[in-house]
Amino acid sequence: MSLKQAAPTAPVQRLQKPSWKDPRLLLGVLLVLGSVAGVTALMASQDQTTEVLAAGRDLPVGTPLQAADFDVVQVRLGAVADTYLAADEPLPENTVAGGLIRKGELIARADLSTADQLDRKPFGLNVETPLPSGIQAGDRIDVWASLPDGRNGYSEPRRLLEAAEISELSVSESVIAGTDSTRLLVLVEDSDLPALLGALSNQAKIAVVPNPAAG
């Protein structure tokens, strides 16, 4: 009985410890370090806060701005930080609110203007008829005027302003008459001023109507 010859055994490949000189190991270490550094930088940027100014009260269009009008708040703004006014940055001279800034809103550089740059100017109106509840600064209204007709009455009303923006309003109660009177500041373009001034100088009766479609 013959014995079968055993097949030759393949040489065993021994694992070698990686060397620091191995470029693949060095590349892997660099990739890991770069990833860790990127995550760390991202987390640090997200946690960074900036001190900026926020409105301490409602600031109607054309309001001269000063430091007392603002609060300092810390917020995370990231890449848009330069869009807003920093707390340590002085206000330019003769600065006014270029648009309605509500209390608590951050002060964007685009909100700042000067009186001579405004294309609309606040104009005061006294309105005796009650306004709808909920109307506030920033809403749009149509302004109508009825001129005296010389017969103890008034002529048919005509619209003087369309979709005028309310800059500010306040309601006061007359002690004598017991009725409410509303003082409005509306933003008026120069071209609309003559007709409005003419109506008021002729003792016209003024009425306002909300125009929500124009908002």
N, C-alpha and C. Protein backbone atom coordinates (compact mmCIF):
# COMPACT_ATOMS: atom_id res chain seq x y z
N MET A 1 0.86 -1.18 0.00
CA MET A 1 0.00 0.00 0.00
C MET A 1 0.91 1.24 0.00
N SER A 2 0.74 2.15 -1.06
CA SER A 2 1.62 3.31 -1.19
C SER A 2 1.00 4.54 -0.53
N LEU A 3 1.83 5.30 0.07
CA LEU A 3 1.36 6.55 0.70
C LEU A 3 1.33 7.66 -0.33
N LYS A 4 0.21 8.47 -0.29
CA LYS A 4 0.10 9.63 -1.20
C LYS A 4 1.07 10.72 -0.73
N GLN A 5 1.67 11.33 -1.72
CA GLN A 5 2.57 12.43 -1.37
C GLN A 5 1.78 13.66 -0.97
N ALA A 6 2.18 14.29 0.12
CA ALA A 6 1.48 15.49 0.61
C ALA A 6 1.77 16.66 -0.32
N ALA A 7 0.73 17.45 -0.58
CA ALA A 7 0.88 18.63 -1.44
C ALA A 7 1.76 19.64 -0.74
N PRO A 8 2.61 20.33 -1.49
CA PRO A 8 3.48 21.34 -0.86
C PRO A 8 2.68 22.45 -0.21
N THR A 9 3.07 22.85 0.94
CA THR A 9 2.36 23.89 1.70
C THR A 9 2.84 25.27 1.26
N ALA A 10 1.84 26.20 1.00
CA ALA A 10 2.19 27.57 0.58
C ALA A 10 2.81 28.31 1.74
N PRO A 11 3.80 29.11 1.46
CA PRO A 11 4.45 29.86 2.56
C PRO A 11 3.47 30.80 3.23
N VAL A 12 3.54 30.90 4.52
CA VAL A 12 2.64 31.74 5.32
C VAL A 12 3.10 33.19 5.23
N GLN A 13 2.12 34.08 4.84
CA GLN A 13 2.43 35.52 4.78
C GLN A 13 2.28 36.11 6.18
N ARG A 14 3.34 36.59 6.70
CA ARG A 14 3.30 37.19 8.03
C ARG A 14 2.97 38.69 7.91
N LEU A 15 2.04 39.11 8.79
CA LEU A 15 1.68 40.53 8.83
C LEU A 15 2.83 41.32 9.43
N GLN A 16 3.12 42.43 8.77
CA GLN A 16 4.19 43.28 9.28
C GLN A 16 3.60 44.55 9.89
N LYS A 17 4.23 44.99 10.95
CA LYS A 17 3.78 46.24 11.56
C LYS A 17 3.97 47.39 10.57
N PRO A 18 2.90 48.24 10.47
CA PRO A 18 3.07 49.38 9.55
C PRO A 18 4.17 50.30 10.04
N SER A 19 4.88 50.80 9.12
CA SER A 19 5.99 51.70 9.44
C SER A 19 5.53 53.14 9.31
N TRP A 20 6.08 54.01 10.13
CA TRP A 20 5.76 55.44 10.03
C TRP A 20 6.20 56.00 8.69
N LYS A 21 7.06 55.27 8.03
CA LYS A 21 7.52 55.72 6.72
C LYS A 21 6.56 55.30 5.60
N ASP A 22 5.54 54.52 5.97
CA ASP A 22 4.56 54.07 4.97
C ASP A 22 3.71 55.27 4.55
N PRO A 23 3.71 55.67 3.29
CA PRO A 23 2.94 56.85 2.87
C PRO A 23 1.44 56.68 3.06
N ARG A 24 0.93 55.46 2.97
CA ARG A 24 -0.51 55.24 3.16
C ARG A 24 -0.92 55.54 4.60
N LEU A 25 -0.07 55.18 5.56
CA LEU A 25 -0.36 55.47 6.96
C LEU A 25 -0.33 56.97 7.22
N LEU A 26 0.68 57.63 6.66
CA LEU A 26 0.78 59.09 6.85
C LEU A 26 -0.42 59.80 6.24
N LEU A 27 -0.88 59.35 5.08
CA LEU A 27 -2.04 59.96 4.44
C LEU A 27 -3.29 59.77 5.29
N GLY A 28 -3.45 58.58 5.86
CA GLY A 28 -4.61 58.33 6.71
C GLY A 28 -4.62 59.21 7.94
N VAL A 29 -3.44 59.38 8.56
CA VAL A 29 -3.34 60.24 9.75
C VAL A 29 -3.69 61.68 9.40
N LEU A 30 -3.20 62.15 8.26
CA LEU A 30 -3.49 63.53 7.84
C LEU A 30 -4.97 63.73 7.57
N LEU A 31 -5.61 62.74 6.98
CA LEU A 31 -7.05 62.85 6.71
C LEU A 31 -7.84 62.93 8.01
N VAL A 32 -7.47 62.11 8.99
CA VAL A 32 -8.17 62.12 10.27
C VAL A 32 -7.97 63.46 10.97
N LEU A 33 -6.73 63.96 10.99
CA LEU A 33 -6.45 65.24 11.64
C LEU A 33 -7.20 66.39 10.95
N GLY A 34 -7.24 66.36 9.62
CA GLY A 34 -7.96 67.41 8.89
C GLY A 34 -9.44 67.38 9.18
N SER A 35 -10.02 66.18 9.28
CA SER A 35 -11.45 66.06 9.58
C SER A 35 -11.76 66.59 10.98
N VAL A 36 -10.92 66.23 11.96
CA VAL A 36 -11.13 66.70 13.33
C VAL A 36 -11.02 68.22 13.39
N ALA A 37 -10.02 68.79 12.70
CA ALA A 37 -9.84 70.24 12.72
C ALA A 37 -11.03 70.95 12.07
N GLY A 38 -11.57 70.38 10.99
CA GLY A 38 -12.72 70.99 10.32
C GLY A 38 -13.96 70.99 11.20
N VAL A 39 -14.21 69.86 11.87
CA VAL A 39 -15.37 69.79 12.76
C VAL A 39 -15.22 70.75 13.92
N THR A 40 -14.02 70.84 14.48
CA THR A 40 -13.77 71.76 15.60
C THR A 40 -14.00 73.21 15.19
N ALA A 41 -13.49 73.57 14.00
CA ALA A 41 -13.67 74.95 13.52
C ALA A 41 -15.13 75.26 13.26
N LEU A 42 -15.88 74.28 12.71
CA LEU A 42 -17.30 74.48 12.44
C LEU A 42 -18.07 74.70 13.73
N MET A 43 -17.80 73.88 14.74
CA MET A 43 -18.50 74.02 16.02
C MET A 43 -18.16 75.35 16.67
N ALA A 44 -16.90 75.77 16.56
CA ALA A 44 -16.50 77.04 17.17
C ALA A 44 -17.20 78.21 16.49
N SER A 45 -17.34 78.17 15.15
CA SER A 45 -17.99 79.26 14.43
C SER A 45 -19.48 79.32 14.74
N GLN A 46 -20.10 78.17 14.93
CA GLN A 46 -21.52 78.15 15.24
C GLN A 46 -21.80 78.65 16.65
N ASP A 47 -20.81 78.54 17.53
CA ASP A 47 -21.00 78.95 18.92
C ASP A 47 -20.60 80.40 19.14
N GLN A 48 -20.08 81.08 18.11
CA GLN A 48 -19.60 82.45 18.26
C GLN A 48 -20.77 83.42 18.20
N THR A 49 -20.86 84.33 19.15
CA THR A 49 -21.93 85.32 19.19
C THR A 49 -21.36 86.70 18.92
N THR A 50 -22.24 87.59 18.48
CA THR A 50 -21.87 88.96 18.15
C THR A 50 -22.81 89.91 18.88
N GLU A 51 -22.27 90.99 19.41
CA GLU A 51 -23.09 92.02 20.05
C GLU A 51 -23.54 93.03 19.00
N VAL A 52 -24.86 93.11 18.81
CA VAL A 52 -25.44 94.05 17.85
C VAL A 52 -26.54 94.85 18.52
N LEU A 53 -27.05 95.86 17.81
CA LEU A 53 -28.09 96.71 18.34
C LEU A 53 -29.47 96.22 17.92
N ALA A 54 -30.43 96.34 18.85
CA ALA A 54 -31.84 96.04 18.58
C ALA A 54 -32.67 97.21 19.04
N ALA A 55 -33.80 97.43 18.38
CA ALA A 55 -34.67 98.56 18.72
C ALA A 55 -35.27 98.37 20.10
N GLY A 56 -35.12 99.39 20.96
CA GLY A 56 -35.70 99.35 22.30
C GLY A 56 -37.15 99.78 22.32
N ARG A 57 -37.64 100.34 21.19
CA ARG A 57 -39.03 100.75 21.05
C ARG A 57 -39.35 100.79 19.56
N ASP A 58 -40.61 100.97 19.22
CA ASP A 58 -40.97 101.14 17.82
C ASP A 58 -40.38 102.45 17.31
N LEU A 59 -39.72 102.37 16.14
CA LEU A 59 -39.08 103.55 15.56
C LEU A 59 -39.71 103.82 14.20
N PRO A 60 -40.63 104.79 14.13
CA PRO A 60 -41.27 105.11 12.85
C PRO A 60 -40.28 105.67 11.83
N VAL A 61 -40.69 105.66 10.59
CA VAL A 61 -39.86 106.22 9.52
C VAL A 61 -39.58 107.69 9.80
N GLY A 62 -38.33 108.08 9.63
CA GLY A 62 -37.94 109.46 9.83
C GLY A 62 -37.54 109.80 11.25
N THR A 63 -37.65 108.84 12.18
CA THR A 63 -37.27 109.10 13.57
C THR A 63 -35.76 109.31 13.68
N PRO A 64 -35.30 110.45 14.24
CA PRO A 64 -33.85 110.62 14.47
C PRO A 64 -33.38 109.56 15.47
N LEU A 65 -32.31 108.88 15.13
CA LEU A 65 -31.84 107.76 15.94
C LEU A 65 -30.70 108.19 16.85
N GLN A 66 -30.74 107.68 18.08
CA GLN A 66 -29.68 107.93 19.04
C GLN A 66 -29.50 106.68 19.89
N ALA A 67 -28.40 106.65 20.64
CA ALA A 67 -28.02 105.44 21.38
C ALA A 67 -29.12 104.99 22.34
N ALA A 68 -29.88 105.94 22.91
CA ALA A 68 -30.91 105.58 23.88
C ALA A 68 -32.06 104.79 23.26
N ASP A 69 -32.16 104.76 21.94
CA ASP A 69 -33.24 104.04 21.26
C ASP A 69 -32.96 102.54 21.14
N PHE A 70 -31.76 102.10 21.52
CA PHE A 70 -31.35 100.73 21.23
C PHE A 70 -31.01 99.94 22.49
N ASP A 71 -31.12 98.63 22.36
CA ASP A 71 -30.62 97.68 23.35
C ASP A 71 -29.50 96.89 22.70
N VAL A 72 -28.57 96.41 23.52
CA VAL A 72 -27.48 95.56 23.03
C VAL A 72 -27.86 94.11 23.26
N VAL A 73 -27.80 93.31 22.21
CA VAL A 73 -28.15 91.89 22.31
C VAL A 73 -27.01 91.05 21.71
N GLN A 74 -26.89 89.83 22.20
CA GLN A 74 -25.90 88.89 21.68
C GLN A 74 -26.62 87.85 20.84
N VAL A 75 -26.22 87.72 19.60
CA VAL A 75 -26.87 86.78 18.68
C VAL A 75 -25.81 86.08 17.85
N ARG A 76 -26.20 84.94 17.27
CA ARG A 76 -25.34 84.21 16.34
C ARG A 76 -25.78 84.60 14.92
N LEU A 77 -24.93 85.31 14.22
CA LEU A 77 -25.27 85.79 12.89
C LEU A 77 -24.42 85.14 11.79
N GLY A 78 -23.29 84.58 12.17
CA GLY A 78 -22.46 83.91 11.17
C GLY A 78 -21.99 84.86 10.08
N ALA A 79 -22.19 84.45 8.83
CA ALA A 79 -21.66 85.19 7.69
C ALA A 79 -22.38 86.51 7.45
N VAL A 80 -23.57 86.70 8.03
CA VAL A 80 -24.34 87.93 7.78
C VAL A 80 -24.13 88.97 8.89
N ALA A 81 -23.14 88.77 9.73
CA ALA A 81 -22.93 89.69 10.87
C ALA A 81 -22.69 91.12 10.39
N ASP A 82 -22.00 91.29 9.28
CA ASP A 82 -21.69 92.64 8.80
C ASP A 82 -22.93 93.36 8.28
N THR A 83 -24.03 92.65 8.11
CA THR A 83 -25.27 93.28 7.63
C THR A 83 -25.91 94.14 8.71
N TYR A 84 -25.59 93.87 9.97
CA TYR A 84 -26.24 94.55 11.10
C TYR A 84 -25.26 95.47 11.81
N LEU A 85 -25.82 96.42 12.55
CA LEU A 85 -25.02 97.44 13.22
C LEU A 85 -24.45 96.86 14.51
N ALA A 86 -23.13 96.84 14.62
CA ALA A 86 -22.47 96.31 15.81
C ALA A 86 -22.67 97.26 16.99
N ALA A 87 -22.67 96.68 18.18
CA ALA A 87 -22.95 97.47 19.38
C ALA A 87 -21.88 98.53 19.64
N ASP A 88 -20.65 98.27 19.25
CA ASP A 88 -19.57 99.22 19.51
C ASP A 88 -19.33 100.17 18.34
N GLU A 89 -20.23 100.16 17.36
CA GLU A 89 -20.07 101.01 16.18
C GLU A 89 -20.88 102.29 16.35
N PRO A 90 -20.27 103.46 16.23
CA PRO A 90 -21.02 104.71 16.42
C PRO A 90 -22.00 104.95 15.28
N LEU A 91 -23.12 105.59 15.60
CA LEU A 91 -24.10 105.94 14.58
C LEU A 91 -23.60 107.12 13.76
N PRO A 92 -23.79 107.07 12.45
CA PRO A 92 -23.44 108.24 11.64
C PRO A 92 -24.29 109.45 12.03
N GLU A 93 -23.78 110.64 11.79
CA GLU A 93 -24.51 111.85 12.14
C GLU A 93 -25.79 111.98 11.33
N ASN A 94 -26.81 112.58 11.94
CA ASN A 94 -28.10 112.87 11.29
C ASN A 94 -28.78 111.61 10.77
N THR A 95 -28.60 110.50 11.46
CA THR A 95 -29.22 109.25 11.03
C THR A 95 -30.68 109.18 11.47
N VAL A 96 -31.53 108.75 10.55
CA VAL A 96 -32.94 108.54 10.86
C VAL A 96 -33.33 107.14 10.42
N ALA A 97 -34.48 106.69 10.91
CA ALA A 97 -34.99 105.38 10.50
C ALA A 97 -35.49 105.46 9.06
N GLY A 98 -34.94 104.63 8.21
CA GLY A 98 -35.35 104.63 6.81
C GLY A 98 -36.61 103.84 6.56
N GLY A 99 -37.03 103.06 7.52
CA GLY A 99 -38.27 102.28 7.45
C GLY A 99 -38.75 102.04 8.87
N LEU A 100 -39.96 101.54 8.99
CA LEU A 100 -40.48 101.24 10.32
C LEU A 100 -39.66 100.11 10.95
N ILE A 101 -39.10 100.37 12.13
CA ILE A 101 -38.33 99.36 12.87
C ILE A 101 -39.10 99.06 14.15
N ARG A 102 -39.56 97.83 14.27
CA ARG A 102 -40.37 97.47 15.44
C ARG A 102 -39.47 97.10 16.62
N LYS A 103 -40.02 97.26 17.81
CA LYS A 103 -39.28 96.96 19.03
C LYS A 103 -38.77 95.53 19.00
N GLY A 104 -37.48 95.35 19.32
CA GLY A 104 -36.87 94.04 19.36
C GLY A 104 -36.19 93.63 18.07
N GLU A 105 -36.45 94.34 16.96
CA GLU A 105 -35.82 93.99 15.69
C GLU A 105 -34.35 94.43 15.70
N LEU A 106 -33.50 93.60 15.09
CA LEU A 106 -32.10 93.98 14.95
C LEU A 106 -31.99 95.13 13.95
N ILE A 107 -31.00 96.01 14.19
CA ILE A 107 -30.84 97.18 13.33
C ILE A 107 -29.92 96.81 12.16
N ALA A 108 -30.52 96.66 11.00
CA ALA A 108 -29.74 96.40 9.80
C ALA A 108 -29.22 97.71 9.23
N ARG A 109 -28.09 97.65 8.55
CA ARG A 109 -27.54 98.86 7.95
C ARG A 109 -28.52 99.45 6.93
N ALA A 110 -29.29 98.59 6.29
CA ALA A 110 -30.26 99.06 5.30
C ALA A 110 -31.39 99.86 5.95
N ASP A 111 -31.56 99.75 7.28
CA ASP A 111 -32.61 100.51 7.98
C ASP A 111 -32.21 101.97 8.22
N LEU A 112 -30.95 102.29 8.02
CA LEU A 112 -30.45 103.63 8.34
C LEU A 112 -30.52 104.54 7.13
N SER A 113 -30.90 105.77 7.37
CA SER A 113 -31.01 106.75 6.29
C SER A 113 -30.78 108.14 6.87
N THR A 114 -30.94 109.16 6.05
CA THR A 114 -30.93 110.55 6.49
C THR A 114 -32.20 111.21 5.99
N ALA A 115 -32.57 112.32 6.62
CA ALA A 115 -33.84 112.96 6.29
C ALA A 115 -33.92 113.35 4.82
N ASP A 116 -32.82 113.82 4.25
CA ASP A 116 -32.85 114.27 2.86
C ASP A 116 -32.86 113.12 1.87
N GLN A 117 -32.61 111.90 2.35
CA GLN A 117 -32.64 110.74 1.46
C GLN A 117 -34.01 110.07 1.41
N LEU A 118 -34.89 110.41 2.32
CA LEU A 118 -36.20 109.77 2.36
C LEU A 118 -37.04 110.25 1.18
N ASP A 119 -37.67 109.31 0.48
CA ASP A 119 -38.54 109.68 -0.63
C ASP A 119 -39.97 109.95 -0.15
N ARG A 120 -40.24 109.65 1.12
CA ARG A 120 -41.55 109.95 1.73
C ARG A 120 -41.30 110.62 3.08
N LYS A 121 -42.18 111.53 3.42
CA LYS A 121 -42.01 112.27 4.67
C LYS A 121 -43.24 112.11 5.55
N PRO A 122 -43.05 111.99 6.88
CA PRO A 122 -44.20 111.85 7.79
C PRO A 122 -45.04 113.12 7.77
N PHE A 123 -46.36 112.95 7.68
CA PHE A 123 -47.30 114.06 7.66
C PHE A 123 -48.41 113.77 8.66
N GLY A 124 -48.72 114.76 9.51
CA GLY A 124 -49.70 114.55 10.58
C GLY A 124 -51.13 114.78 10.13
N LEU A 125 -52.03 113.86 10.50
CA LEU A 125 -53.45 113.98 10.22
C LEU A 125 -54.24 113.68 11.49
N ASN A 126 -55.26 114.47 11.75
CA ASN A 126 -56.19 114.19 12.85
C ASN A 126 -57.48 113.62 12.27
N VAL A 127 -57.87 112.46 12.75
CA VAL A 127 -59.05 111.78 12.23
C VAL A 127 -60.05 111.61 13.37
N GLU A 128 -61.27 112.12 13.17
CA GLU A 128 -62.30 112.04 14.20
C GLU A 128 -63.07 110.72 14.16
N THR A 129 -63.23 110.17 12.96
CA THR A 129 -64.00 108.92 12.84
C THR A 129 -63.17 107.76 13.39
N PRO A 130 -63.80 106.81 14.10
CA PRO A 130 -63.05 105.68 14.68
C PRO A 130 -62.38 104.84 13.60
N LEU A 131 -61.20 104.38 13.91
CA LEU A 131 -60.48 103.49 13.01
C LEU A 131 -60.81 102.03 13.35
N PRO A 132 -60.72 101.14 12.37
CA PRO A 132 -60.95 99.72 12.66
C PRO A 132 -59.97 99.22 13.72
N SER A 133 -60.43 98.33 14.56
CA SER A 133 -59.56 97.78 15.61
C SER A 133 -58.42 96.99 14.97
N GLY A 134 -57.28 97.06 15.59
CA GLY A 134 -56.12 96.31 15.11
C GLY A 134 -55.25 97.06 14.14
N ILE A 135 -55.69 98.23 13.67
CA ILE A 135 -54.85 98.98 12.75
C ILE A 135 -53.65 99.53 13.50
N GLN A 136 -52.47 99.51 12.86
CA GLN A 136 -51.25 99.89 13.56
C GLN A 136 -50.24 100.46 12.58
N ALA A 137 -49.13 100.94 13.14
CA ALA A 137 -48.06 101.47 12.31
C ALA A 137 -47.58 100.40 11.33
N GLY A 138 -47.36 100.82 10.09
CA GLY A 138 -46.95 99.90 9.05
C GLY A 138 -48.09 99.48 8.14
N ASP A 139 -49.34 99.66 8.59
CA ASP A 139 -50.50 99.34 7.75
C ASP A 139 -50.68 100.40 6.67
N ARG A 140 -51.40 100.02 5.63
CA ARG A 140 -51.66 100.93 4.51
C ARG A 140 -53.10 101.42 4.56
N ILE A 141 -53.29 102.69 4.20
CA ILE A 141 -54.63 103.29 4.23
C ILE A 141 -54.81 104.18 3.00
N ASP A 142 -56.08 104.40 2.63
CA ASP A 142 -56.46 105.43 1.68
C ASP A 142 -56.99 106.62 2.47
N VAL A 143 -56.59 107.81 2.07
CA VAL A 143 -57.02 109.04 2.75
C VAL A 143 -58.00 109.78 1.85
N TRP A 144 -59.20 110.07 2.39
CA TRP A 144 -60.25 110.76 1.66
C TRP A 144 -60.52 112.11 2.32
N ALA A 145 -60.92 113.09 1.52
CA ALA A 145 -61.21 114.43 2.05
C ALA A 145 -62.53 114.93 1.46
N SER A 146 -63.34 115.57 2.31
CA SER A 146 -64.59 116.21 1.89
C SER A 146 -64.50 117.69 2.21
N LEU A 147 -64.58 118.54 1.19
CA LEU A 147 -64.48 119.99 1.38
C LEU A 147 -65.84 120.58 1.73
N PRO A 148 -65.88 121.65 2.54
CA PRO A 148 -67.15 122.33 2.80
C PRO A 148 -67.77 122.84 1.49
N ASP A 149 -69.10 122.69 1.37
CA ASP A 149 -69.76 123.10 0.14
C ASP A 149 -70.37 124.49 0.21
N GLY A 150 -70.17 125.19 1.34
CA GLY A 150 -70.71 126.52 1.47
C GLY A 150 -72.18 126.56 1.87
N ARG A 151 -72.81 125.42 2.05
CA ARG A 151 -74.22 125.35 2.43
C ARG A 151 -74.37 124.54 3.71
N ASN A 152 -73.41 124.70 4.61
CA ASN A 152 -73.41 123.97 5.88
C ASN A 152 -73.30 122.46 5.68
N GLY A 153 -72.72 122.08 4.59
CA GLY A 153 -72.52 120.66 4.31
C GLY A 153 -71.14 120.43 3.72
N TYR A 154 -70.95 119.25 3.18
CA TYR A 154 -69.67 118.90 2.60
C TYR A 154 -69.88 118.30 1.21
N SER A 155 -68.91 118.54 0.35
CA SER A 155 -68.98 118.00 -1.00
C SER A 155 -68.65 116.52 -1.00
N GLU A 156 -68.83 115.89 -2.12
CA GLU A 156 -68.53 114.45 -2.24
C GLU A 156 -67.05 114.22 -1.98
N PRO A 157 -66.73 113.23 -1.17
CA PRO A 157 -65.31 113.01 -0.84
C PRO A 157 -64.51 112.55 -2.05
N ARG A 158 -63.24 112.91 -2.05
CA ARG A 158 -62.32 112.44 -3.09
C ARG A 158 -61.06 111.91 -2.42
N ARG A 159 -60.47 110.95 -3.06
CA ARG A 159 -59.31 110.29 -2.48
C ARG A 159 -58.05 111.11 -2.76
N LEU A 160 -57.36 111.46 -1.70
CA LEU A 160 -56.12 112.23 -1.82
C LEU A 160 -54.88 111.34 -1.80
N LEU A 161 -54.90 110.29 -1.00
CA LEU A 161 -53.76 109.38 -0.89
C LEU A 161 -54.25 107.95 -1.04
N GLU A 162 -53.52 107.18 -1.79
CA GLU A 162 -53.84 105.76 -1.95
C GLU A 162 -52.69 104.92 -1.41
N ALA A 163 -53.04 103.96 -0.56
CA ALA A 163 -52.06 103.03 0.01
C ALA A 163 -50.92 103.75 0.73
N ALA A 164 -51.27 104.81 1.46
CA ALA A 164 -50.26 105.51 2.26
C ALA A 164 -49.92 104.68 3.49
N GLU A 165 -48.65 104.64 3.83
CA GLU A 165 -48.21 103.84 4.98
C GLU A 165 -48.31 104.66 6.26
N ILE A 166 -48.87 104.06 7.30
CA ILE A 166 -48.92 104.71 8.62
C ILE A 166 -47.55 104.61 9.26
N SER A 167 -47.00 105.75 9.63
CA SER A 167 -45.72 105.76 10.31
C SER A 167 -45.90 105.65 11.82
N GLU A 168 -46.93 106.30 12.34
CA GLU A 168 -47.17 106.30 13.79
C GLU A 168 -48.61 106.71 14.02
N LEU A 169 -49.22 106.24 15.10
CA LEU A 169 -50.58 106.67 15.44
C LEU A 169 -50.76 106.65 16.94
N SER A 170 -51.63 107.55 17.40
CA SER A 170 -51.98 107.61 18.82
C SER A 170 -53.43 108.03 18.91
N VAL A 171 -54.12 107.51 19.92
CA VAL A 171 -55.53 107.80 20.13
C VAL A 171 -55.68 108.55 21.43
N SER A 172 -56.40 109.68 21.39
CA SER A 172 -56.65 110.46 22.60
C SER A 172 -58.15 110.68 22.73
N GLU A 173 -58.64 110.67 23.96
CA GLU A 173 -60.07 110.86 24.21
C GLU A 173 -60.33 112.29 24.66
N SER A 174 -61.29 112.93 23.99
CA SER A 174 -61.65 114.29 24.34
C SER A 174 -62.48 114.29 25.61
N VAL A 175 -62.05 115.08 26.60
CA VAL A 175 -62.77 115.15 27.87
C VAL A 175 -64.12 115.84 27.69
N ILE A 176 -64.17 116.84 26.82
CA ILE A 176 -65.41 117.60 26.63
C ILE A 176 -66.42 116.83 25.81
N ALA A 177 -65.98 116.36 24.64
CA ALA A 177 -66.93 115.71 23.74
C ALA A 177 -67.11 114.23 24.05
N GLY A 178 -66.14 113.64 24.74
CA GLY A 178 -66.24 112.22 25.04
C GLY A 178 -66.01 111.33 23.84
N THR A 179 -65.35 111.85 22.81
CA THR A 179 -65.08 111.08 21.61
C THR A 179 -63.58 110.88 21.45
N ASP A 180 -63.23 109.85 20.70
CA ASP A 180 -61.83 109.57 20.46
C ASP A 180 -61.35 110.30 19.21
N SER A 181 -60.14 110.80 19.27
CA SER A 181 -59.50 111.42 18.12
C SER A 181 -58.19 110.69 17.87
N THR A 182 -57.94 110.37 16.61
CA THR A 182 -56.73 109.64 16.27
C THR A 182 -55.76 110.56 15.54
N ARG A 183 -54.54 110.58 16.05
CA ARG A 183 -53.48 111.34 15.40
C ARG A 183 -52.63 110.37 14.60
N LEU A 184 -52.57 110.60 13.28
CA LEU A 184 -51.82 109.72 12.40
C LEU A 184 -50.63 110.46 11.82
N LEU A 185 -49.52 109.75 11.70
CA LEU A 185 -48.42 110.20 10.86
C LEU A 185 -48.38 109.25 9.67
N VAL A 186 -48.64 109.79 8.48
CA VAL A 186 -48.61 108.97 7.27
C VAL A 186 -47.44 109.43 6.41
N LEU A 187 -46.88 108.50 5.65
CA LEU A 187 -45.74 108.81 4.80
C LEU A 187 -46.25 109.30 3.45
N VAL A 188 -45.86 110.53 3.10
CA VAL A 188 -46.40 111.19 1.92
C VAL A 188 -45.25 111.58 0.99
N GLU A 189 -45.43 111.32 -0.29
CA GLU A 189 -44.46 111.77 -1.28
C GLU A 189 -44.67 113.26 -1.57
N ASP A 190 -43.60 113.92 -1.99
CA ASP A 190 -43.67 115.37 -2.23
C ASP A 190 -44.76 115.74 -3.23
N SER A 191 -44.98 114.91 -4.22
CA SER A 191 -45.97 115.23 -5.26
C SER A 191 -47.39 115.23 -4.72
N ASP A 192 -47.64 114.54 -3.59
CA ASP A 192 -48.99 114.47 -3.01
C ASP A 192 -49.24 115.55 -1.97
N LEU A 193 -48.21 116.28 -1.58
CA LEU A 193 -48.37 117.26 -0.50
C LEU A 193 -49.28 118.44 -0.86
N PRO A 194 -49.21 119.03 -2.06
CA PRO A 194 -50.06 120.20 -2.34
C PRO A 194 -51.55 119.92 -2.17
N ALA A 195 -52.05 118.81 -2.70
CA ALA A 195 -53.48 118.51 -2.58
C ALA A 195 -53.87 118.28 -1.13
N LEU A 196 -53.00 117.62 -0.37
CA LEU A 196 -53.30 117.36 1.03
C LEU A 196 -53.30 118.65 1.85
N LEU A 197 -52.31 119.49 1.62
CA LEU A 197 -52.24 120.75 2.35
C LEU A 197 -53.41 121.66 1.98
N GLY A 198 -53.78 121.64 0.71
CA GLY A 198 -54.91 122.46 0.28
C GLY A 198 -56.21 122.04 0.93
N ALA A 199 -56.43 120.73 1.06
CA ALA A 199 -57.64 120.24 1.70
C ALA A 199 -57.69 120.63 3.17
N LEU A 200 -56.58 120.50 3.86
CA LEU A 200 -56.56 120.83 5.29
C LEU A 200 -56.74 122.33 5.51
N SER A 201 -56.14 123.15 4.66
CA SER A 201 -56.27 124.60 4.83
C SER A 201 -57.69 125.07 4.56
N ASN A 202 -58.47 124.27 3.84
CA ASN A 202 -59.87 124.61 3.56
C ASN A 202 -60.84 123.87 4.48
N GLN A 203 -60.34 123.41 5.62
CA GLN A 203 -61.18 122.79 6.65
C GLN A 203 -61.90 121.55 6.15
N ALA A 204 -61.21 120.75 5.34
CA ALA A 204 -61.83 119.53 4.84
C ALA A 204 -61.97 118.51 5.96
N LYS A 205 -62.98 117.67 5.84
CA LYS A 205 -63.17 116.57 6.77
C LYS A 205 -62.38 115.37 6.23
N ILE A 206 -61.52 114.83 7.07
CA ILE A 206 -60.62 113.76 6.65
C ILE A 206 -61.14 112.41 7.15
N ALA A 207 -61.11 111.43 6.27
CA ALA A 207 -61.46 110.05 6.64
C ALA A 207 -60.42 109.11 6.05
N VAL A 208 -60.16 108.03 6.76
CA VAL A 208 -59.19 107.04 6.27
C VAL A 208 -59.87 105.68 6.17
N VAL A 209 -59.44 104.90 5.18
CA VAL A 209 -59.98 103.57 4.94
C VAL A 209 -58.82 102.60 4.81
N PRO A 210 -58.79 101.51 5.56
CA PRO A 210 -57.69 100.54 5.42
C PRO A 210 -57.61 100.00 4.00
N ASN A 211 -56.38 99.79 3.54
CA ASN A 211 -56.14 99.24 2.22
C ASN A 211 -55.20 98.04 2.35
N PRO A 212 -55.73 96.93 2.88
CA PRO A 212 -54.85 95.78 3.15
C PRO A 212 -54.25 95.16 1.89
N ALA A 213 -54.89 95.36 0.75
CA ALA A 213 -54.37 94.75 -0.48
C ALA A 213 -53.05 95.35 -0.91
N ALA A 214 -52.74 96.55 -0.40
CA ALA A 214 -51.50 97.22 -0.79
C ALA A 214 -50.32 96.84 0.09
N GLY A 215 -50.55 96.03 1.15
CA GLY A 215 -49.46 95.71 2.06
C GLY A 215 -48.47 94.74 1.47
